[in-house]
Amino acid sequence: MTAGRNNAESLSQHWCTPPKYVSAIREFFGGTIALDPCSNLHSIVGATIEYSLPELDGLLESWDYPSVFVNPPYGRDRLRGTTIYHWLNRCAEAHSVHGAEVLALVPVATNTKHWKDCVFGVATAITFLYDTRLKFLVDGKTGGKGAPMACAMIYWGSQYEFFEQVFAVFGAVCDLRHLIGKPIGKGSQLALWRDSL
């Protein structure tokens, strides 16, 4: 829930998921979100289990829950030496290891290692959100500045059709199931073909 965090020492604002997305996430998960590993004092997600710094580091705790929603820190946490890559890796792992249904609200950065390793070839679907600059709640209040980049809802799970039904109202839904298990980026057939040109 701390999107926009640059590092733990200078954190002055918590960027929380907007209500319309929280409602959709709850609908998708049948009314109950089991785990929010990136919660904070101002969160409106209301997951059954919430991890919040400094008491509980969501990257170190268990993600063995049936439904997980993650609005991870978008920046680097210098104190802990973590980035968004670590959060998306845990999302993919929660689904592949524990069978969790996982949703993550993240910036669109399709050229990055975290998208190539943890989204493409791994995730089930993506909704590229129509909101040009998604307006997070800042410290629990509306009216904050919009995100400086486009955002997406990424899904790891087995209910693609329902994901599409719930999230199509918010943006373009892309089915990634045909990419699961295929190498993406460096070392993939497409990358090797481009490199041969």
C-alpha atoms as a PDB file:
ATOM      1  CA  MET A   1       0.000   0.000   0.000  1.00  0.00           C
ATOM      2  CA  THR A   2       3.004   2.290  -0.034  1.00  0.00           C
ATOM      3  CA  ALA A   3       3.272   2.966  -3.731  1.00  0.00           C
ATOM      4  CA  GLY A   4       5.742   5.743  -4.374  1.00  0.00           C
ATOM      5  CA  ARG A   5       8.038   4.888  -1.455  1.00  0.00           C
ATOM      6  CA  ASN A   6      11.621   5.758  -2.347  1.00  0.00           C
ATOM      7  CA  ASN A   7      13.207   4.399   0.783  1.00  0.00           C
ATOM      8  CA  ALA A   8      12.141   3.530   4.285  1.00  0.00           C
ATOM      9  CA  GLU A   9      14.108   6.364   5.884  1.00  0.00           C
ATOM     10  CA  SER A  10      12.492   9.195   3.915  1.00  0.00           C
ATOM     11  CA  LEU A  11       8.946   7.830   3.716  1.00  0.00           C
ATOM     12  CA  SER A  12       6.560  10.663   4.441  1.00  0.00           C
ATOM     13  CA  GLN A  13       3.458   9.543   2.563  1.00  0.00           C
ATOM     14  CA  HIS A  14       1.540   6.325   2.121  1.00  0.00           C
ATOM     15  CA  TRP A  15      -0.033   6.011  -1.325  1.00  0.00           C
ATOM     16  CA  CYS A  16      -3.071   3.790  -0.834  1.00  0.00           C
ATOM     17  CA  THR A  17      -5.208   1.969  -3.380  1.00  0.00           C
ATOM     18  CA  PRO A  18      -8.222   4.028  -4.563  1.00  0.00           C
ATOM     19  CA  PRO A  19     -11.649   2.859  -3.333  1.00  0.00           C
ATOM     20  CA  LYS A  20     -12.980   1.849  -6.776  1.00  0.00           C
ATOM     21  CA  TYR A  21     -10.122  -0.641  -7.181  1.00  0.00           C
ATOM     22  CA  VAL A  22     -10.465  -1.934  -3.628  1.00  0.00           C
ATOM     23  CA  SER A  23     -14.147  -2.653  -4.355  1.00  0.00           C
ATOM     24  CA  ALA A  24     -13.250  -4.528  -7.558  1.00  0.00           C
ATOM     25  CA  ILE A  25     -10.523  -6.505  -5.784  1.00  0.00           C
ATOM     26  CA  ARG A  26     -12.964  -7.520  -3.041  1.00  0.00           C
ATOM     27  CA  GLU A  27     -15.534  -8.520  -5.672  1.00  0.00           C
ATOM     28  CA  PHE A  28     -12.943 -10.613  -7.487  1.00  0.00           C
ATOM     29  CA  PHE A  29     -11.892 -12.377  -4.292  1.00  0.00           C
ATOM     30  CA  GLY A  30     -15.495 -13.087  -3.259  1.00  0.00           C
ATOM     31  CA  GLY A  31     -15.671 -10.338  -0.663  1.00  0.00           C
ATOM     32  CA  THR A  32     -12.577 -11.200   1.383  1.00  0.00           C
ATOM     33  CA  ILE A  33      -8.955 -10.342   0.745  1.00  0.00           C
ATOM     34  CA  ALA A  34      -6.921 -12.799   2.784  1.00  0.00           C
ATOM     35  CA  LEU A  35      -3.534 -11.021   2.703  1.00  0.00           C
ATOM     36  CA  ASP A  36      -2.218  -7.519   2.107  1.00  0.00           C
ATOM     37  CA  PRO A  37       1.567  -7.736   2.599  1.00  0.00           C
ATOM     38  CA  CYS A  38       2.073  -3.987   1.925  1.00  0.00           C
ATOM     39  CA  SER A  39      -0.415  -2.441   4.310  1.00  0.00           C
ATOM     40  CA  ASN A  40      -0.106   0.756   6.332  1.00  0.00           C
ATOM     41  CA  LEU A  41      -1.977   2.804   8.897  1.00  0.00           C
ATOM     42  CA  HIS A  42      -4.153   4.484   6.228  1.00  0.00           C
ATOM     43  CA  SER A  43      -5.014   1.411   4.146  1.00  0.00           C
ATOM     44  CA  ILE A  44      -8.659   0.850   3.209  1.00  0.00           C
ATOM     45  CA  VAL A  45      -8.056  -2.658   1.799  1.00  0.00           C
ATOM     46  CA  GLY A  46      -9.144  -4.357   5.018  1.00  0.00           C
ATOM     47  CA  ALA A  47      -7.453  -7.691   4.394  1.00  0.00           C
ATOM     48  CA  THR A  48      -7.827 -10.411   7.003  1.00  0.00           C
ATOM     49  CA  ILE A  49      -4.029 -10.445   7.472  1.00  0.00           C
ATOM     50  CA  GLU A  50      -2.025  -7.244   6.962  1.00  0.00           C
ATOM     51  CA  TYR A  51       1.743  -6.845   7.142  1.00  0.00           C
ATOM     52  CA  SER A  52       2.979  -3.342   7.766  1.00  0.00           C
ATOM     53  CA  LEU A  53       6.440  -1.895   8.288  1.00  0.00           C
ATOM     54  CA  PRO A  54       8.171  -1.531  10.655  1.00  0.00           C
ATOM     55  CA  GLU A  55       6.447  -4.288  12.663  1.00  0.00           C
ATOM     56  CA  LEU A  56       6.184  -6.871   9.868  1.00  0.00           C
ATOM     57  CA  ASP A  57       8.142  -6.902   6.619  1.00  0.00           C
ATOM     58  CA  GLY A  58       5.812  -8.339   3.968  1.00  0.00           C
ATOM     59  CA  LEU A  59       8.726  -9.730   1.991  1.00  0.00           C
ATOM     60  CA  LEU A  60       9.853 -11.867   4.935  1.00  0.00           C
ATOM     61  CA  GLU A  61       6.468 -13.155   6.137  1.00  0.00           C
ATOM     62  CA  SER A  62       4.360 -16.031   4.760  1.00  0.00           C
ATOM     63  CA  TRP A  63       2.218 -15.524   1.660  1.00  0.00           C
ATOM     64  CA  ASP A  64       0.501 -18.888   1.998  1.00  0.00           C
ATOM     65  CA  TYR A  65      -3.041 -17.479   1.759  1.00  0.00           C
ATOM     66  CA  PRO A  66      -5.824 -18.105  -0.779  1.00  0.00           C
ATOM     67  CA  SER A  67      -6.057 -14.483  -1.968  1.00  0.00           C
ATOM     68  CA  VAL A  68      -3.343 -11.824  -1.957  1.00  0.00           C
ATOM     69  CA  PHE A  69      -3.511  -8.176  -3.015  1.00  0.00           C
ATOM     70  CA  VAL A  70      -0.282  -6.213  -3.382  1.00  0.00           C
ATOM     71  CA  ASN A  71       0.177  -2.491  -3.962  1.00  0.00           C
ATOM     72  CA  PRO A  72       3.964  -2.611  -3.555  1.00  0.00           C
ATOM     73  CA  PRO A  73       6.468   0.173  -2.996  1.00  0.00           C
ATOM     74  CA  TYR A  74       7.323   1.472  -6.458  1.00  0.00           C
ATOM     75  CA  GLY A  75      10.762   2.746  -5.513  1.00  0.00           C
ATOM     76  CA  ARG A  76      13.899   1.248  -4.017  1.00  0.00           C
ATOM     77  CA  ASP A  77      14.021   0.577  -0.283  1.00  0.00           C
ATOM     78  CA  ARG A  78      17.667   1.370   0.416  1.00  0.00           C
ATOM     79  CA  LEU A  79      17.424   0.329   4.048  1.00  0.00           C
ATOM     80  CA  ARG A  80      16.269  -3.201   3.166  1.00  0.00           C
ATOM     81  CA  GLY A  81      17.949  -3.436  -0.243  1.00  0.00           C
ATOM     82  CA  THR A  82      14.685  -4.284  -2.009  1.00  0.00           C
ATOM     83  CA  THR A  83      12.841  -3.104  -5.114  1.00  0.00           C
ATOM     84  CA  ILE A  84       9.540  -3.799  -6.828  1.00  0.00           C
ATOM     85  CA  TYR A  85      11.240  -6.841  -8.383  1.00  0.00           C
ATOM     86  CA  HIS A  86      11.225  -8.570  -4.992  1.00  0.00           C
ATOM     87  CA  TRP A  87       7.489  -7.918  -4.544  1.00  0.00           C
ATOM     88  CA  LEU A  88       6.507  -9.174  -7.992  1.00  0.00           C
ATOM     89  CA  ASN A  89       8.693 -12.220  -7.516  1.00  0.00           C
ATOM     90  CA  ARG A  90       6.788 -13.006  -4.297  1.00  0.00           C
ATOM     91  CA  CYS A  91       3.490 -12.560  -6.183  1.00  0.00           C
ATOM     92  CA  ALA A  92       4.517 -15.122  -8.795  1.00  0.00           C
ATOM     93  CA  GLU A  93       5.833 -17.438  -6.086  1.00  0.00           C
ATOM     94  CA  ALA A  94       2.637 -17.190  -4.004  1.00  0.00           C
ATOM     95  CA  HIS A  95       0.676 -18.460  -6.987  1.00  0.00           C
ATOM     96  CA  SER A  96       3.104 -21.124  -8.194  1.00  0.00           C
ATOM     97  CA  VAL A  97       4.049 -22.498  -4.758  1.00  0.00           C
ATOM     98  CA  HIS A  98       0.903 -21.942  -2.671  1.00  0.00           C
ATOM     99  CA  GLY A  99      -1.798 -21.772  -5.367  1.00  0.00           C
ATOM    100  CA  ALA A 100      -2.790 -18.278  -4.223  1.00  0.00           C
ATOM    101  CA  GLU A 101      -4.922 -16.021  -6.384  1.00  0.00           C
ATOM    102  CA  VAL A 102      -2.835 -12.832  -6.569  1.00  0.00           C
ATOM    103  CA  LEU A 103      -3.510  -9.296  -7.786  1.00  0.00           C
ATOM    104  CA  ALA A 104      -0.905  -6.520  -7.889  1.00  0.00           C
ATOM    105  CA  LEU A 105      -1.336  -2.840  -8.728  1.00  0.00           C
ATOM    106  CA  VAL A 106       1.929  -1.712 -10.313  1.00  0.00           C
ATOM    107  CA  PRO A 107       3.422   0.840 -12.710  1.00  0.00           C
ATOM    108  CA  VAL A 108       3.561  -0.168 -16.352  1.00  0.00           C
ATOM    109  CA  ALA A 109       7.229  -0.832 -17.073  1.00  0.00           C
ATOM    110  CA  THR A 110       7.226  -3.570 -19.683  1.00  0.00           C
ATOM    111  CA  ASN A 111      10.911  -3.095 -20.521  1.00  0.00           C
ATOM    112  CA  THR A 112      12.112  -3.904 -16.995  1.00  0.00           C
ATOM    113  CA  LYS A 113      13.578  -7.081 -15.558  1.00  0.00           C
ATOM    114  CA  HIS A 114      10.724  -7.439 -13.065  1.00  0.00           C
ATOM    115  CA  TRP A 115       8.130  -7.502 -15.858  1.00  0.00           C
ATOM    116  CA  LYS A 116      10.208  -9.873 -17.996  1.00  0.00           C
ATOM    117  CA  ASP A 117      10.923 -12.271 -15.112  1.00  0.00           C
ATOM    118  CA  CYS A 118       7.767 -12.059 -12.989  1.00  0.00           C
ATOM    119  CA  VAL A 119       4.950 -11.000 -15.324  1.00  0.00           C
ATOM    120  CA  PHE A 120       5.479 -12.096 -18.929  1.00  0.00           C
ATOM    121  CA  GLY A 121       5.678 -15.873 -19.104  1.00  0.00           C
ATOM    122  CA  VAL A 122       4.431 -16.171 -15.509  1.00  0.00           C
ATOM    123  CA  ALA A 123       1.262 -14.124 -14.882  1.00  0.00           C
ATOM    124  CA  THR A 124      -2.193 -15.016 -16.187  1.00  0.00           C
ATOM    125  CA  ALA A 125      -3.398 -11.574 -17.276  1.00  0.00           C
ATOM    126  CA  ILE A 126      -2.935  -7.820 -17.109  1.00  0.00           C
ATOM    127  CA  THR A 127      -5.386  -4.949 -17.137  1.00  0.00           C
ATOM    128  CA  PHE A 128      -3.724  -1.812 -18.475  1.00  0.00           C
ATOM    129  CA  LEU A 129      -5.728   0.778 -16.544  1.00  0.00           C
ATOM    130  CA  TYR A 130      -7.511   3.580 -18.406  1.00  0.00           C
ATOM    131  CA  ASP A 131      -6.701   6.085 -15.650  1.00  0.00           C
ATOM    132  CA  THR A 132      -4.084   8.318 -17.231  1.00  0.00           C
ATOM    133  CA  ARG A 133      -2.677   9.222 -13.833  1.00  0.00           C
ATOM    134  CA  LEU A 134      -4.175   6.953 -11.227  1.00  0.00           C
ATOM    135  CA  LYS A 135      -5.030   8.983  -8.133  1.00  0.00           C
ATOM    136  CA  PHE A 136      -3.928   7.110  -5.048  1.00  0.00           C
ATOM    137  CA  LEU A 137      -5.204   8.052  -1.621  1.00  0.00           C
ATOM    138  CA  VAL A 138      -2.354   9.902   0.070  1.00  0.00           C
ATOM    139  CA  ASP A 139      -2.189   9.267   3.800  1.00  0.00           C
ATOM    140  CA  GLY A 140      -5.796   8.094   3.559  1.00  0.00           C
ATOM    141  CA  LYS A 141      -7.117  11.221   1.849  1.00  0.00           C
ATOM    142  CA  THR A 142      -8.304  11.911  -1.694  1.00  0.00           C
ATOM    143  CA  GLY A 143      -7.036  14.796  -3.789  1.00  0.00           C
ATOM    144  CA  GLY A 144      -3.424  13.781  -4.126  1.00  0.00           C
ATOM    145  CA  LYS A 145      -1.439  14.074  -7.316  1.00  0.00           C
ATOM    146  CA  GLY A 146      -1.856  11.344  -9.870  1.00  0.00           C
ATOM    147  CA  ALA A 147       0.778   8.689 -10.393  1.00  0.00           C
ATOM    148  CA  PRO A 148       3.563   9.884 -12.715  1.00  0.00           C
ATOM    149  CA  MET A 149       3.160   6.775 -14.890  1.00  0.00           C
ATOM    150  CA  ALA A 150       0.478   4.467 -16.253  1.00  0.00           C
ATOM    151  CA  CYS A 151      -0.532   1.608 -13.953  1.00  0.00           C
ATOM    152  CA  ALA A 152      -1.745  -1.947 -14.421  1.00  0.00           C
ATOM    153  CA  MET A 153      -3.462  -4.654 -12.415  1.00  0.00           C
ATOM    154  CA  ILE A 154      -1.530  -7.893 -12.822  1.00  0.00           C
ATOM    155  CA  TYR A 155      -3.132 -11.261 -12.096  1.00  0.00           C
ATOM    156  CA  TRP A 156      -1.569 -14.609 -11.220  1.00  0.00           C
ATOM    157  CA  GLY A 157      -4.278 -17.239 -10.906  1.00  0.00           C
ATOM    158  CA  SER A 158      -6.693 -19.659 -12.518  1.00  0.00           C
ATOM    159  CA  GLN A 159      -9.829 -17.544 -13.042  1.00  0.00           C
ATOM    160  CA  TYR A 160      -9.004 -15.568 -16.180  1.00  0.00           C
ATOM    161  CA  GLU A 161     -12.603 -15.197 -17.385  1.00  0.00           C
ATOM    162  CA  PHE A 162     -13.756 -13.759 -14.049  1.00  0.00           C
ATOM    163  CA  PHE A 163     -10.719 -11.448 -13.915  1.00  0.00           C
ATOM    164  CA  GLU A 164     -11.648 -10.139 -17.357  1.00  0.00           C
ATOM    165  CA  GLN A 165     -15.281  -9.691 -16.326  1.00  0.00           C
ATOM    166  CA  VAL A 166     -14.431  -7.693 -13.190  1.00  0.00           C
ATOM    167  CA  PHE A 167     -11.530  -5.595 -14.494  1.00  0.00           C
ATOM    168  CA  ALA A 168     -12.490  -4.882 -18.142  1.00  0.00           C
ATOM    169  CA  VAL A 169     -14.402  -1.815 -16.959  1.00  0.00           C
ATOM    170  CA  PHE A 170     -11.087  -0.334 -15.757  1.00  0.00           C
ATOM    171  CA  GLY A 171      -8.934  -0.942 -18.821  1.00  0.00           C
ATOM    172  CA  ALA A 172      -7.712  -3.183 -21.597  1.00  0.00           C
ATOM    173  CA  VAL A 173      -7.439  -6.772 -20.364  1.00  0.00           C
ATOM    174  CA  CYS A 174      -4.683  -8.865 -21.937  1.00  0.00           C
ATOM    175  CA  ASP A 175      -4.680 -12.654 -21.669  1.00  0.00           C
ATOM    176  CA  LEU A 176      -1.107 -13.855 -20.984  1.00  0.00           C
ATOM    177  CA  ARG A 177      -1.853 -17.560 -20.566  1.00  0.00           C
ATOM    178  CA  HIS A 178      -0.305 -18.410 -23.931  1.00  0.00           C
ATOM    179  CA  LEU A 179       3.032 -17.009 -22.682  1.00  0.00           C
ATOM    180  CA  ILE A 180       3.210 -19.022 -19.445  1.00  0.00           C
ATOM    181  CA  GLY A 181       6.420 -21.001 -19.293  1.00  0.00           C
ATOM    182  CA  LYS A 182       7.954 -19.304 -22.323  1.00  0.00           C
ATOM    183  CA  PRO A 183      11.210 -17.370 -21.913  1.00  0.00           C
ATOM    184  CA  ILE A 184      10.769 -13.634 -22.321  1.00  0.00           C
ATOM    185  CA  GLY A 185      13.486 -11.057 -22.875  1.00  0.00           C
ATOM    186  CA  LYS A 186      17.157 -11.957 -23.031  1.00  0.00           C
ATOM    187  CA  GLY A 187      17.646 -15.548 -24.168  1.00  0.00           C
ATOM    188  CA  SER A 188      14.155 -15.888 -25.673  1.00  0.00           C
ATOM    189  CA  GLN A 189      13.729 -16.851 -29.316  1.00  0.00           C
ATOM    190  CA  LEU A 190      12.397 -13.378 -30.147  1.00  0.00           C
ATOM    191  CA  ALA A 191      15.364 -11.698 -28.449  1.00  0.00           C
ATOM    192  CA  LEU A 192      17.797 -14.007 -30.247  1.00  0.00           C
ATOM    193  CA  TRP A 193      16.101 -13.209 -33.570  1.00  0.00           C
ATOM    194  CA  ARG A 194      16.336  -9.444 -32.899  1.00  0.00           C
ATOM    195  CA  ASP A 195      19.983  -9.790 -31.939  1.00  0.00           C
ATOM    196  CA  SER A 196      20.722 -11.588 -35.214  1.00  0.00           C
ATOM    197  CA  LEU A 197      19.499  -8.636 -37.312  1.00  0.00           C
END
